[in-house]
C-alpha atoms as a PDB file:
ATOM      1  CA  MET A   1      81.629 115.060 114.339  1.00  0.00           C
ATOM      2  CA  THR A   2      78.507 117.066 113.357  1.00  0.00           C
ATOM      3  CA  GLU A   3      77.294 117.274 109.754  1.00  0.00           C
ATOM      4  CA  GLY A   4      78.225 120.760 109.598  1.00  0.00           C
ATOM      5  CA  LYS A   5      82.116 119.713 110.565  1.00  0.00           C
ATOM      6  CA  ARG A   6      81.980 116.814 108.214  1.00  0.00           C
ATOM      7  CA  THR A   7      80.843 119.301 105.385  1.00  0.00           C
ATOM      8  CA  ALA A   8      83.611 121.658 106.290  1.00  0.00           C
ATOM      9  CA  ARG A   9      86.050 119.138 106.695  1.00  0.00           C
ATOM     10  CA  ARG A  10      85.108 117.754 103.016  1.00  0.00           C
ATOM     11  CA  ASP A  11      85.272 121.425 101.403  1.00  0.00           C
ATOM     12  CA  GLU A  12      88.630 121.879 103.274  1.00  0.00           C
ATOM     13  CA  ASP A  13      89.831 118.314 101.369  1.00  0.00           C
ATOM     14  CA  THR A  14      88.666 119.520  98.185  1.00  0.00           C
ATOM     15  CA  ASP A  15      90.278 123.230  98.561  1.00  0.00           C
ATOM     16  CA  LEU A  16      93.556 121.370  99.554  1.00  0.00           C
ATOM     17  CA  ASP A  17      93.077 119.345  96.115  1.00  0.00           C
ATOM     18  CA  ARG A  18      92.062 122.176  94.137  1.00  0.00           C
ATOM     19  CA  VAL A  19      95.006 124.120  94.989  1.00  0.00           C
ATOM     20  CA  SER A  20      97.855 121.476  94.869  1.00  0.00           C
ATOM     21  CA  GLU A  21      96.485 120.675  91.038  1.00  0.00           C
ATOM     22  CA  HIS A  22      96.158 124.374  90.223  1.00  0.00           C
ATOM     23  CA  ALA A  23     100.098 124.730  91.325  1.00  0.00           C
ATOM     24  CA  VAL A  24     101.022 121.883  89.504  1.00  0.00           C
ATOM     25  CA  GLY A  25      99.468 123.548  86.214  1.00  0.00           C
ATOM     26  CA  ASN A  26     100.628 126.998  86.770  1.00  0.00           C
ATOM     27  CA  ALA A  27     104.183 125.548  88.021  1.00  0.00           C
ATOM     28  CA  ILE A  28     104.738 124.103  84.558  1.00  0.00           C
ATOM     29  CA  ARG A  29     103.146 126.537  82.297  1.00  0.00           C
ATOM     30  CA  THR A  30     105.600 129.260  84.232  1.00  0.00           C
ATOM     31  CA  LEU A  31     108.354 126.494  83.627  1.00  0.00           C
ATOM     32  CA  ARG A  32     107.891 125.912  80.178  1.00  0.00           C
ATOM     33  CA  LYS A  33     107.509 129.766  79.320  1.00  0.00           C
ATOM     34  CA  LEU A  34     110.775 130.548  80.998  1.00  0.00           C
ATOM     35  CA  LYS A  35     112.308 127.880  78.865  1.00  0.00           C
ATOM     36  CA  GLN A  36     110.867 129.022  75.825  1.00  0.00           C
ATOM     37  CA  ARG A  37     109.218 126.232  74.818  1.00  0.00           C
ATOM     38  CA  THR A  38     106.055 126.037  73.101  1.00  0.00           C
ATOM     39  CA  LEU A  39     103.101 123.643  73.533  1.00  0.00           C
ATOM     40  CA  LYS A  40     103.820 121.805  70.233  1.00  0.00           C
ATOM     41  CA  GLU A  41     107.159 120.965  71.262  1.00  0.00           C
ATOM     42  CA  VAL A  42     106.724 119.889  74.643  1.00  0.00           C
ATOM     43  CA  ALA A  43     104.117 117.541  72.810  1.00  0.00           C
ATOM     44  CA  VAL A  44     106.858 116.169  70.652  1.00  0.00           C
ATOM     45  CA  ASP A  45     109.431 115.338  73.301  1.00  0.00           C
ATOM     46  CA  THR A  46     106.442 113.775  76.000  1.00  0.00           C
ATOM     47  CA  GLY A  47     104.115 111.844  73.337  1.00  0.00           C
ATOM     48  CA  LEU A  48     101.418 113.669  74.814  1.00  0.00           C
ATOM     49  CA  SER A  49      99.032 115.632  72.801  1.00  0.00           C
ATOM     50  CA  ILE A  50      98.707 119.546  72.836  1.00  0.00           C
ATOM     51  CA  GLY A  51      95.363 119.461  73.774  1.00  0.00           C
ATOM     52  CA  TYR A  52      96.109 117.122  76.821  1.00  0.00           C
ATOM     53  CA  LEU A  53      99.197 119.453  77.736  1.00  0.00           C
ATOM     54  CA  SER A  54      96.985 122.711  77.734  1.00  0.00           C
ATOM     55  CA  GLN A  55      94.436 121.354  79.785  1.00  0.00           C
ATOM     56  CA  VAL A  56      96.851 120.518  82.679  1.00  0.00           C
ATOM     57  CA  GLU A  57      98.033 123.965  82.392  1.00  0.00           C
ATOM     58  CA  ARG A  58      95.006 125.194  82.756  1.00  0.00           C
ATOM     59  CA  ASN A  59      94.493 122.738  85.456  1.00  0.00           C
ATOM     60  CA  LYS A  60      91.330 121.119  83.719  1.00  0.00           C
ATOM     61  CA  SER A  61      93.530 117.969  83.984  1.00  0.00           C
ATOM     62  CA  SER A  62      95.898 116.740  86.242  1.00  0.00           C
ATOM     63  CA  PRO A  63      98.599 114.969  85.212  1.00  0.00           C
ATOM     64  CA  SER A  64      99.291 111.212  86.124  1.00  0.00           C
ATOM     65  CA  VAL A  65     102.799 110.114  87.411  1.00  0.00           C
ATOM     66  CA  LYS A  66     104.229 109.107  84.354  1.00  0.00           C
ATOM     67  CA  ALA A  67     102.668 112.240  82.141  1.00  0.00           C
ATOM     68  CA  LEU A  68     104.414 114.381  84.901  1.00  0.00           C
ATOM     69  CA  HIS A  69     108.181 112.603  84.450  1.00  0.00           C
ATOM     70  CA  ALA A  70     107.700 113.037  80.817  1.00  0.00           C
ATOM     71  CA  ILE A  71     106.934 116.632  81.109  1.00  0.00           C
ATOM     72  CA  SER A  72     109.461 117.149  83.718  1.00  0.00           C
ATOM     73  CA  ARG A  73     112.462 115.797  81.476  1.00  0.00           C
ATOM     74  CA  ALA A  74     110.896 117.052  78.595  1.00  0.00           C
ATOM     75  CA  LEU A  75     111.475 120.775  80.667  1.00  0.00           C
ATOM     76  CA  GLY A  76     114.850 119.947  82.147  1.00  0.00           C
ATOM     77  CA  VAL A  77     113.884 119.520  85.642  1.00  0.00           C
ATOM     78  CA  ASN A  78     112.629 116.544  88.259  1.00  0.00           C
ATOM     79  CA  ILE A  79     109.487 116.405  89.531  1.00  0.00           C
ATOM     80  CA  THR A  80     110.427 117.733  92.990  1.00  0.00           C
ATOM     81  CA  TRP A  81     110.496 120.712  90.861  1.00  0.00           C
ATOM     82  CA  PHE A  82     106.370 120.690  91.178  1.00  0.00           C
ATOM     83  CA  PHE A  83     106.306 120.034  94.838  1.00  0.00           C
ATOM     84  CA  GLY A  84     104.781 122.703  96.782  1.00  0.00           C
ATOM     85  CA  ASP A  85     107.038 124.847  98.811  1.00  0.00           C
ATOM     86  CA  ALA A  86     107.149 124.314 102.269  1.00  0.00           C
ATOM     87  CA  ALA A  87     111.205 126.077 102.654  1.00  0.00           C
ATOM     88  CA  GLU A  88     109.465 129.046 104.151  1.00  0.00           C
ATOM     89  CA  ARG A  89     108.123 126.538 107.699  1.00  0.00           C
ATOM     90  CA  ASN A  90     111.283 124.754 107.443  1.00  0.00           C
ATOM     91  CA  SER A  91     114.688 126.655 108.229  1.00  0.00           C
ATOM     92  CA  GLU A  92     116.963 123.404 109.362  1.00  0.00           C
ATOM     93  CA  GLN A  93     119.503 122.477 106.930  1.00  0.00           C
ATOM     94  CA  TYR A  94     119.487 118.556 107.430  1.00  0.00           C
ATOM     95  CA  VAL A  95     116.052 117.997 108.797  1.00  0.00           C
ATOM     96  CA  VAL A  96     112.814 118.193 107.274  1.00  0.00           C
ATOM     97  CA  ARG A  97     109.724 118.474 109.851  1.00  0.00           C
ATOM     98  CA  ARG A  98     106.804 116.762 109.282  1.00  0.00           C
ATOM     99  CA  ASP A  99     104.228 120.129 109.323  1.00  0.00           C
ATOM    100  CA  ALA A 100     107.147 121.432 106.785  1.00  0.00           C
ATOM    101  CA  ARG A 101     106.934 118.733 103.807  1.00  0.00           C
ATOM    102  CA  ASN A 102     106.505 119.592 100.290  1.00  0.00           C
ATOM    103  CA  GLU A 103     103.809 117.800  98.964  1.00  0.00           C
ATOM    104  CA  LEU A 104     102.210 116.952  95.546  1.00  0.00           C
ATOM    105  CA  ARG A 105      98.827 115.296  94.896  1.00  0.00           C
ATOM    106  CA  PHE A 106      97.771 113.504  92.096  1.00  0.00           C
ATOM    107  CA  GLU A 107      93.870 112.837  90.892  1.00  0.00           C
ATOM    108  CA  THR A 108      94.289 109.383  90.726  1.00  0.00           C
ATOM    109  CA  GLY A 109      94.512 109.592  94.815  1.00  0.00           C
ATOM    110  CA  ILE A 110      98.031 109.282  95.477  1.00  0.00           C
ATOM    111  CA  SER A 111      99.818 112.127  97.376  1.00  0.00           C
ATOM    112  CA  ASP A 112     103.678 112.343  97.794  1.00  0.00           C
ATOM    113  CA  PHE A 113     105.427 114.138 100.657  1.00  0.00           C
ATOM    114  CA  LEU A 114     109.162 114.787 100.188  1.00  0.00           C
ATOM    115  CA  LEU A 115     111.262 113.553 103.220  1.00  0.00           C
ATOM    116  CA  SER A 116     114.717 114.846 102.252  1.00  0.00           C
ATOM    117  CA  GLN A 117     115.671 118.185 100.922  1.00  0.00           C
ATOM    118  CA  ARG A 118     114.633 119.477  97.884  1.00  0.00           C
ATOM    119  CA  GLU A 119     117.923 120.278  96.336  1.00  0.00           C
ATOM    120  CA  GLY A 120     121.690 119.787  96.443  1.00  0.00           C
ATOM    121  CA  SER A 121     121.429 115.764  97.225  1.00  0.00           C
ATOM    122  CA  GLN A 122     122.084 112.629  95.447  1.00  0.00           C
ATOM    123  CA  LEU A 123     118.906 110.822  97.169  1.00  0.00           C
ATOM    124  CA  GLU A 124     115.436 111.287  97.492  1.00  0.00           C
ATOM    125  CA  LEU A 125     113.429 109.894 100.268  1.00  0.00           C
ATOM    126  CA  LEU A 126     109.336 110.134  99.844  1.00  0.00           C
ATOM    127  CA  TRP A 127     106.492 109.303 101.963  1.00  0.00           C
ATOM    128  CA  CYS A 128     103.655 107.999  99.810  1.00  0.00           C
ATOM    129  CA  ARG A 129     100.169 107.842 100.437  1.00  0.00           C
ATOM    130  CA  PHE A 130      98.018 105.656  98.346  1.00  0.00           C
ATOM    131  CA  GLU A 131      93.688 105.830  98.558  1.00  0.00           C
ATOM    132  CA  PRO A 132      92.129 102.535  97.775  1.00  0.00           C
ATOM    133  CA  GLY A 133      92.400 102.185  94.313  1.00  0.00           C
ATOM    134  CA  SER A 134      94.605 104.603  93.394  1.00  0.00           C
ATOM    135  CA  SER A 135      97.734 104.126  91.262  1.00  0.00           C
ATOM    136  CA  SER A 136     100.282 105.742  88.793  1.00  0.00           C
ATOM    137  CA  GLY A 137      98.403 105.302  85.990  1.00  0.00           C
ATOM    138  CA  ASP A 138      97.495 102.277  82.689  1.00  0.00           C
ATOM    139  CA  ASP A 139     100.973 102.788  81.434  1.00  0.00           C
ATOM    140  CA  ALA A 140     104.345 101.618  82.818  1.00  0.00           C
ATOM    141  CA  TYR A 141     107.346 104.185  82.875  1.00  0.00           C
ATOM    142  CA  SER A 142     110.930 104.088  83.232  1.00  0.00           C
ATOM    143  CA  HIS A 143     113.909 106.586  84.245  1.00  0.00           C
ATOM    144  CA  ASN A 144     117.666 106.528  85.359  1.00  0.00           C
ATOM    145  CA  GLY A 145     118.768 105.685  88.326  1.00  0.00           C
ATOM    146  CA  GLU A 146     117.623 103.007  91.490  1.00  0.00           C
ATOM    147  CA  GLU A 147     114.891 102.907  93.735  1.00  0.00           C
ATOM    148  CA  ALA A 148     113.729 100.993  96.632  1.00  0.00           C
ATOM    149  CA  GLY A 149     110.993 101.213  99.408  1.00  0.00           C
ATOM    150  CA  VAL A 150     109.353  99.590 102.376  1.00  0.00           C
ATOM    151  CA  VAL A 151     105.307  99.168 102.853  1.00  0.00           C
ATOM    152  CA  VAL A 152     104.569 100.829 106.266  1.00  0.00           C
ATOM    153  CA  THR A 153     100.607 100.280 106.177  1.00  0.00           C
ATOM    154  CA  GLY A 154      98.124  98.214 103.803  1.00  0.00           C
ATOM    155  CA  GLU A 155      98.658  96.355 100.917  1.00  0.00           C
ATOM    156  CA  PHE A 156     100.358  98.103  97.856  1.00  0.00           C
ATOM    157  CA  ALA A 157     101.180  96.109  93.960  1.00  0.00           C
ATOM    158  CA  ILE A 158     103.924  97.182  92.130  1.00  0.00           C
ATOM    159  CA  MET A 159     104.770  95.545  88.658  1.00  0.00           C
ATOM    160  CA  ILE A 160     108.231  95.839  87.756  1.00  0.00           C
ATOM    161  CA  ASP A 161     109.372  94.782  84.206  1.00  0.00           C
ATOM    162  CA  ASP A 162     105.668  92.943  83.573  1.00  0.00           C
ATOM    163  CA  THR A 163     105.825  90.983  86.460  1.00  0.00           C
ATOM    164  CA  TRP A 164     103.329  92.134  89.690  1.00  0.00           C
ATOM    165  CA  HIS A 165     104.457  92.060  93.145  1.00  0.00           C
ATOM    166  CA  ILE A 166     101.713  91.836  95.872  1.00  0.00           C
ATOM    167  CA  LEU A 167     103.253  93.600  99.333  1.00  0.00           C
ATOM    168  CA  LYS A 168     101.923  94.295 102.823  1.00  0.00           C
ATOM    169  CA  ALA A 169     103.229  96.116 105.804  1.00  0.00           C
ATOM    170  CA  GLY A 170     106.968  95.360 106.174  1.00  0.00           C
ATOM    171  CA  ASP A 171     107.685  94.007 102.667  1.00  0.00           C
ATOM    172  CA  SER A 172     110.038  95.936 100.528  1.00  0.00           C
ATOM    173  CA  PHE A 173     111.275  96.365  97.288  1.00  0.00           C
ATOM    174  CA  SER A 174     114.506  97.725  94.994  1.00  0.00           C
ATOM    175  CA  PHE A 175     114.835  97.548  91.189  1.00  0.00           C
ATOM    176  CA  PRO A 176     116.827  99.394  88.920  1.00  0.00           C
ATOM    177  CA  SER A 177     114.417 102.516  87.227  1.00  0.00           C
ATOM    178  CA  TYR A 178     115.221 101.543  83.521  1.00  0.00           C
ATOM    179  CA  LEU A 179     112.808  98.695  84.025  1.00  0.00           C
ATOM    180  CA  PRO A 180     108.953  99.525  83.440  1.00  0.00           C
ATOM    181  CA  HIS A 181     107.053 100.064  86.312  1.00  0.00           C
ATOM    182  CA  LYS A 182     104.095 100.817  87.848  1.00  0.00           C
ATOM    183  CA  TYR A 183     101.932 100.770  90.851  1.00  0.00           C
ATOM    184  CA  MET A 184      98.434 100.727  92.664  1.00  0.00           C
ATOM    185  CA  ASN A 185      97.002 100.315  95.762  1.00  0.00           C
ATOM    186  CA  PRO A 186      94.499  97.015  95.391  1.00  0.00           C
ATOM    187  CA  GLY A 187      93.134  96.945  98.967  1.00  0.00           C
ATOM    188  CA  ARG A 188      90.186  98.358 100.470  1.00  0.00           C
ATOM    189  CA  ARG A 189      92.585 100.687 102.907  1.00  0.00           C
ATOM    190  CA  VAL A 190      95.041 103.613 102.648  1.00  0.00           C
ATOM    191  CA  ALA A 191      98.727 102.165 101.728  1.00  0.00           C
ATOM    192  CA  GLU A 192     101.862 103.912 102.672  1.00  0.00           C
ATOM    193  CA  VAL A 193     105.340 103.669 101.402  1.00  0.00           C
ATOM    194  CA  VAL A 194     108.343 105.348 102.199  1.00  0.00           C
ATOM    195  CA  TRP A 195     109.899 105.292  98.809  1.00  0.00           C
ATOM    196  CA  ALA A 196     113.742 106.001  98.021  1.00  0.00           C
ATOM    197  CA  ILE A 197     114.895 106.909  94.566  1.00  0.00           C
ATOM    198  CA  THR A 198     118.702 107.840  93.417  1.00  0.00           C
ATOM    199  CA  PRO A 199     119.806 110.265  91.570  1.00  0.00           C
ATOM    200  CA  PRO A 200     117.156 112.708  92.593  1.00  0.00           C
ATOM    201  CA  THR A 201     114.748 112.078  88.857  1.00  0.00           C
ATOM    202  CA  TYR A 202     111.342 112.039  90.492  1.00  0.00           C
END
C-alpha cells in the first residue's frame, strides 16, 4: 500500500470516528430537549457533571460505556437508541445483513455492531470489537437483566462482581447484569466478542 493510500485510509477512519462521535452527541442533545430536560436535571440523575455532559453534547468528549448507560437511563431509552441508523440499508424483517448493521463507536477503542433488530425484541445481540488496550472505563456499572457472550478472536478480560476473568477465543461468559461489571482487551491484538443481553437494556 502506498503512503498516499495509507494516509487516505487514516483520514477515512478519522472521519468515521468523528461522524460517530458527533452522531452520539447530537442525539443526546436532541433527545434531552425532546424530553424537556435540563443539563442540570440529567446531571443529577446520572451523577455526571454538567460540564462533562455539555462537552459530550458538543462533541468535545466521547462518553464511556458506563456514562452512556447512565445518560440513556436518565432519558428513558436504551443505548441502542444512539446507534447509527442503518435501517434504510436493511429492509428485511428478521435478518440483519453485515453491511446494514447499526454501529456505535466509543473513544476508548470499542466498536459495537447491533446484530439484532433495533426495536420490538426482548433480546439484543451485539458484535463487539475491542482494540488493544480498550476498555469500558475505570468504573464498573450494573443494570437490570442478564447477559452472555463468547470470545471469537483475541483475548478478553471481564470483571464480574470484583473478580476478573481472562478469556481467550472459544471461552464464554454469562451473568446477571445487576452485578457490577467492566471489561477490557488486555492483549496486543484486536478482540471480538459476540454478546447477548436481555431484556434490551444496552
